[in-house]
Every structure is written in structure tokens, then in C-alpha cells.
Amino acid sequence: RALPIWESDVGVSVDSATDIARESADVILLEKDLMVLEQGVYQGRLTYGNTSKYIKMAVSSNFGNMFSVMFAALWLPFLPMDPLQIILLNLLYDISQLPIPWDNMDEDFLMKPKIWKTTGILRFMVIIGPLSSFFDISTFMFMWYYYKCGQDPDHPAMFQTGWFVESLLTQTLIVHMIRTAKIPYVQSRPAVGLFATTLLIMVDRKSVGVGKEC
């Protein structure tokens, strides 16, 4: 064995090295250029950062929606959102997140190595989830007491559509709040693809059926 390579934390060799050197190495470079390692570390941190974004968005959104539905189920005499609207909402929200793997990462995030910690994700979920429920419940109250929507259990369409639109807008916008620790668009700009999909989802709401009566 090539002892220096074998004893190192990460053994590096090139594809033209001796057989024993290649067998002892953890990484075999196809090019004689150490900048390949730098690019590999950069891409690894970029992948880790964007993966963390998606997980945080998914768990916080689902956790918050669970609280909102539980509250609505205890209070309202009808379903707070039509099942087809829930499916459509999840579909549109997922579409808005499709470009996340190609999103930009803040340079200061990429400068230091990261350690995978589930405690940070759980803490984020517990804080952001109920916060999103606060906006949902505020929407419930506003539509129920101000617009009188849904007070007739036989005509819940306007109430359901109101929550659908509010959820769609807030969940789509929260993507840009979660993706960076800086001020969105001012200190940290998203990739063009992510900006385009979120803008498209918010603008195009032709498929939403709005009830005619409260």
C-alpha cells in the first residue's frame, strides 16, 4: 500500500499513477489539476444548501397547514378547502420549487464547511410552521367576520377559494424568505428560473374557481 495516501483523511491520486497508489486513494483525478477538488467541494456545498432549502420549505409548510386544518376543523361547519383545491395547491407549490436545485447560494454560506443537523430543521419547522398558521387563521377570521363568507354552510365556495389564494401566495412568497438568511432580492437574488416559476404561479390563477356567493 502507498502509506501516505492510505493514512491520510482523504487520499488523492491521478488516473495515471501506479496501481497501488490508485487502490489506496479515496479520490482519483481524471485530470492533473487540484482545482477539480475545489470545484467538487463547491458543488457539494451548493447541493447541500439547496437540499436544505427544499427540506425546510416542505416540513414548515406541511406542519403549518396541519395546524391550520386542525383549527378550521374545530371551528368551521364545512371543509376549509375543497379536496381538489388542496391537490392543486400542492401541485402549484411543488412546481414553484422545481428550480431550487439550480438556485443561487450566498457566497458566505459556501465559504465554510457544513454539518448535517436535523435539530436545525426541526427548530425551523416548529417556528415557521405555526407562523404560517397565524396568517391562515387571520385569513379565516377576516373572511368570516368581515366578508361574512362561509356563514351559510351550503355555500362555502368563496371561503374555500379565499384560503386557497392566500395559501398559494404566502407559500410561494415564503420560498424567497427561506432560501436565504439575508434580505431577499436586496442582498440575495434567486436564480432566474426560481424567480420565473414563483412569479408565474402567483400571476396565473385562471384555474381557480371562485364562488359567487358568501
Protein backbone atom coordinates (compact mmCIF):
# COMPACT_ATOMS: atom_id res chain seq x y z
CA ARG A 1 0.00 0.00 0.00
CA ALA A 2 1.02 3.65 -0.50
CA LEU A 3 1.14 4.54 3.21
CA PRO A 4 0.97 8.37 2.90
CA ILE A 5 -2.19 8.08 0.80
CA TRP A 6 -3.65 5.30 2.94
CA GLU A 7 -3.09 7.15 6.24
CA SER A 8 -4.47 10.48 5.08
CA ASP A 9 -8.08 11.51 5.78
CA VAL A 10 -8.81 11.68 2.05
CA GLY A 11 -6.31 10.04 -0.25
CA VAL A 12 -5.96 11.67 -3.68
CA SER A 13 -4.31 10.19 -6.73
CA VAL A 14 -4.42 10.57 -10.52
CA ASP A 15 -5.55 8.02 -13.06
CA SER A 16 -2.03 7.71 -14.46
CA ALA A 17 -0.48 6.79 -11.09
CA THR A 18 0.71 3.31 -10.17
CA ASP A 19 -1.82 0.61 -9.41
CA ILE A 20 -1.01 0.60 -5.70
CA ALA A 21 -1.46 4.38 -5.47
CA ARG A 22 -4.83 4.23 -7.20
CA GLU A 23 -6.02 1.36 -4.98
CA SER A 24 -5.08 3.30 -1.83
CA ALA A 25 -6.72 6.55 -2.90
CA ASP A 26 -10.23 7.67 -2.00
CA VAL A 27 -10.38 10.09 -4.93
CA ILE A 28 -8.85 9.51 -8.35
CA LEU A 29 -8.45 12.61 -10.51
CA LEU A 30 -9.00 12.20 -14.23
CA GLU A 31 -7.15 15.49 -14.75
CA LYS A 32 -3.84 16.56 -13.22
CA ASP A 33 -5.37 19.64 -11.66
CA LEU A 34 -6.18 20.16 -7.98
CA MET A 35 -8.75 22.80 -8.92
CA VAL A 36 -11.04 19.84 -9.68
CA LEU A 37 -11.16 19.20 -5.93
CA GLU A 38 -12.10 22.80 -5.27
CA GLN A 39 -14.95 22.58 -7.77
CA GLY A 40 -16.10 19.33 -6.18
CA VAL A 41 -16.21 20.90 -2.73
CA TYR A 42 -18.03 23.94 -4.12
CA GLN A 43 -20.66 21.82 -5.88
CA GLY A 44 -21.09 19.66 -2.78
CA ARG A 45 -21.80 22.68 -0.57
CA LEU A 46 -24.10 24.11 -3.22
CA THR A 47 -26.05 20.84 -3.36
CA TYR A 48 -26.23 20.63 0.43
CA GLY A 49 -27.52 24.21 0.69
CA ASN A 50 -30.23 23.82 -1.91
CA THR A 51 -31.29 20.46 -0.49
CA SER A 52 -31.63 22.05 2.95
CA LYS A 53 -33.80 24.79 1.43
CA TYR A 54 -36.23 22.30 -0.04
CA ILE A 55 -36.49 20.25 3.16
CA LYS A 56 -37.12 23.37 5.25
CA MET A 57 -39.79 24.58 2.84
CA ALA A 58 -41.55 21.22 2.77
CA VAL A 59 -41.60 20.49 6.51
CA SER A 60 -42.53 24.04 7.58
CA SER A 61 -45.33 24.27 5.02
CA ASN A 62 -46.83 20.88 5.87
CA PHE A 63 -46.50 21.48 9.62
CA GLY A 64 -48.20 24.86 9.34
CA ASN A 65 -51.00 23.54 7.12
CA MET A 66 -51.66 20.78 9.64
CA PHE A 67 -52.26 23.34 12.38
CA SER A 68 -54.46 25.45 10.11
CA VAL A 69 -56.64 22.50 9.09
CA MET A 70 -56.97 21.35 12.70
CA PHE A 71 -58.11 24.81 13.78
CA ALA A 72 -60.54 25.11 10.86
CA ALA A 73 -61.97 21.64 11.50
CA LEU A 74 -62.80 22.59 15.09
CA TRP A 75 -64.40 25.89 14.14
CA LEU A 76 -65.95 25.69 10.68
CA PRO A 77 -69.09 23.70 9.78
CA PHE A 78 -67.58 22.73 6.39
CA LEU A 79 -64.26 21.77 4.83
CA PRO A 80 -61.93 24.82 4.85
CA MET A 81 -60.70 23.91 1.38
CA ASP A 82 -62.08 21.69 -1.33
CA PRO A 83 -60.06 18.45 -1.83
CA LEU A 84 -59.35 19.35 -5.45
CA GLN A 85 -58.07 22.74 -4.34
CA ILE A 86 -55.70 21.06 -1.87
CA ILE A 87 -54.30 18.85 -4.63
CA LEU A 88 -53.96 21.83 -6.96
CA LEU A 89 -52.32 23.91 -4.23
CA ASN A 90 -49.70 21.23 -3.54
CA LEU A 91 -49.07 20.80 -7.26
CA LEU A 92 -48.55 24.52 -7.87
CA TYR A 93 -46.37 24.85 -4.78
CA ASP A 94 -44.20 21.95 -5.94
CA ILE A 95 -43.90 23.47 -9.41
CA SER A 96 -42.70 26.73 -7.90
CA GLN A 97 -39.88 24.82 -6.17
CA LEU A 98 -38.69 22.83 -9.19
CA PRO A 99 -35.74 25.18 -9.95
CA ILE A 100 -34.38 25.03 -6.37
CA PRO A 101 -31.53 22.60 -7.33
CA TRP A 102 -30.22 25.33 -9.65
CA ASP A 103 -30.77 28.21 -7.26
CA ASN A 104 -28.01 30.60 -6.17
CA MET A 105 -26.39 30.22 -2.77
CA ASP A 106 -24.98 33.07 -0.72
CA GLU A 107 -21.20 33.23 -1.02
CA ASP A 108 -20.65 33.33 2.74
CA PHE A 109 -22.58 30.06 3.04
CA LEU A 110 -20.25 28.39 0.54
CA MET A 111 -17.05 29.59 2.23
CA LYS A 112 -17.31 27.28 5.25
CA PRO A 113 -17.99 23.52 5.54
CA LYS A 114 -21.38 22.50 6.90
CA ILE A 115 -22.51 19.64 9.13
CA TRP A 116 -25.86 17.94 8.58
CA LYS A 117 -28.00 18.60 11.66
CA THR A 118 -31.65 17.58 11.88
CA THR A 119 -32.10 19.65 15.04
CA GLY A 120 -31.81 22.85 13.00
CA ILE A 121 -34.51 21.66 10.59
CA LEU A 122 -36.83 20.66 13.44
CA ARG A 123 -36.32 24.01 15.15
CA PHE A 124 -37.04 25.79 11.88
CA MET A 125 -40.21 23.73 11.39
CA VAL A 126 -41.51 24.47 14.89
CA ILE A 127 -41.00 28.23 14.42
CA ILE A 128 -42.03 28.83 10.81
CA GLY A 129 -44.90 26.30 10.74
CA PRO A 130 -47.06 27.97 13.41
CA LEU A 131 -46.12 31.37 11.99
CA SER A 132 -47.65 30.41 8.64
CA SER A 133 -50.72 29.15 10.51
CA PHE A 134 -51.09 32.61 12.05
CA PHE A 135 -51.62 34.09 8.57
CA ASP A 136 -54.07 31.30 7.70
CA ILE A 137 -56.11 31.84 10.85
CA SER A 138 -56.08 35.60 10.30
CA THR A 139 -57.48 34.96 6.83
CA PHE A 140 -60.18 32.73 8.32
CA MET A 141 -61.23 35.44 10.76
CA PHE A 142 -61.18 38.18 8.16
CA MET A 143 -63.31 36.28 5.65
CA TRP A 144 -65.74 35.01 8.32
CA TYR A 145 -66.36 38.23 10.28
CA TYR A 146 -65.70 40.96 7.71
CA TYR A 147 -66.92 39.44 4.44
CA LYS A 148 -69.35 37.02 6.13
CA CYS A 149 -68.08 34.26 3.86
CA GLY A 150 -68.97 30.70 4.77
CA GLN A 151 -71.59 31.54 7.37
CA ASP A 152 -74.04 29.67 5.18
CA PRO A 153 -72.70 26.08 5.29
CA ASP A 154 -74.35 25.35 1.94
CA HIS A 155 -72.22 27.98 0.17
CA PRO A 156 -68.60 27.62 1.35
CA ALA A 157 -67.02 28.22 -2.10
CA MET A 158 -65.89 31.82 -1.51
CA PHE A 159 -64.34 30.96 1.85
CA GLN A 160 -62.51 27.96 0.40
CA THR A 161 -61.26 29.95 -2.57
CA GLY A 162 -60.13 32.80 -0.34
CA TRP A 163 -57.97 30.47 1.72
CA PHE A 164 -56.71 28.79 -1.45
CA VAL A 165 -55.50 32.11 -2.89
CA GLU A 166 -53.97 33.24 0.43
CA SER A 167 -52.17 29.91 0.89
CA LEU A 168 -50.89 29.94 -2.67
CA LEU A 169 -49.49 33.45 -2.37
CA THR A 170 -47.93 33.06 1.09
CA GLN A 171 -46.43 29.63 0.43
CA THR A 172 -44.96 30.82 -2.85
CA LEU A 173 -43.54 34.02 -1.38
CA ILE A 174 -42.12 32.22 1.66
CA VAL A 175 -39.84 30.33 -0.73
CA HIS A 176 -37.83 33.52 -1.15
CA MET A 177 -37.74 34.14 2.60
CA ILE A 178 -36.46 30.65 3.38
CA ARG A 179 -33.87 30.43 0.63
CA THR A 180 -31.55 32.97 2.26
CA ALA A 181 -30.67 34.39 5.66
CA LYS A 182 -30.25 37.81 4.04
CA ILE A 183 -32.82 40.30 2.75
CA PRO A 184 -34.43 38.69 -0.33
CA TYR A 185 -33.80 40.45 -3.66
CA VAL A 186 -31.79 43.19 -1.93
CA GLN A 187 -28.85 41.26 -0.51
CA SER A 188 -29.53 37.88 -2.12
CA ARG A 189 -31.14 37.30 -5.50
CA PRO A 190 -32.66 33.97 -6.59
CA ALA A 191 -31.83 32.21 -9.81
CA VAL A 192 -33.82 33.34 -12.84
CA GLY A 193 -35.66 30.01 -13.03
CA LEU A 194 -36.86 30.17 -9.42
CA PHE A 195 -37.99 33.76 -9.81
CA ALA A 196 -39.85 32.90 -13.04
CA THR A 197 -41.74 29.91 -11.62
CA THR A 198 -42.83 31.70 -8.45
CA LEU A 199 -43.95 34.73 -10.46
CA LEU A 200 -45.86 32.51 -12.89
CA ILE A 201 -47.65 30.68 -10.07
CA MET A 202 -48.72 33.92 -8.39
CA VAL A 203 -49.89 35.63 -11.57
CA ASP A 204 -51.64 32.75 -13.32
CA ARG A 205 -54.68 31.79 -11.24
CA LYS A 206 -57.12 31.08 -14.09
CA SER A 207 -57.69 27.54 -12.85
CA VAL A 208 -59.05 28.77 -9.50
CA GLY A 209 -62.83 28.56 -9.28
CA VAL A 210 -64.21 31.50 -7.30
CA GLY A 211 -67.58 31.09 -5.65
CA LYS A 212 -70.28 33.57 -6.44
CA GLU A 213 -71.82 33.72 -3.02
CA CYS A 214 -70.55 34.06 0.53
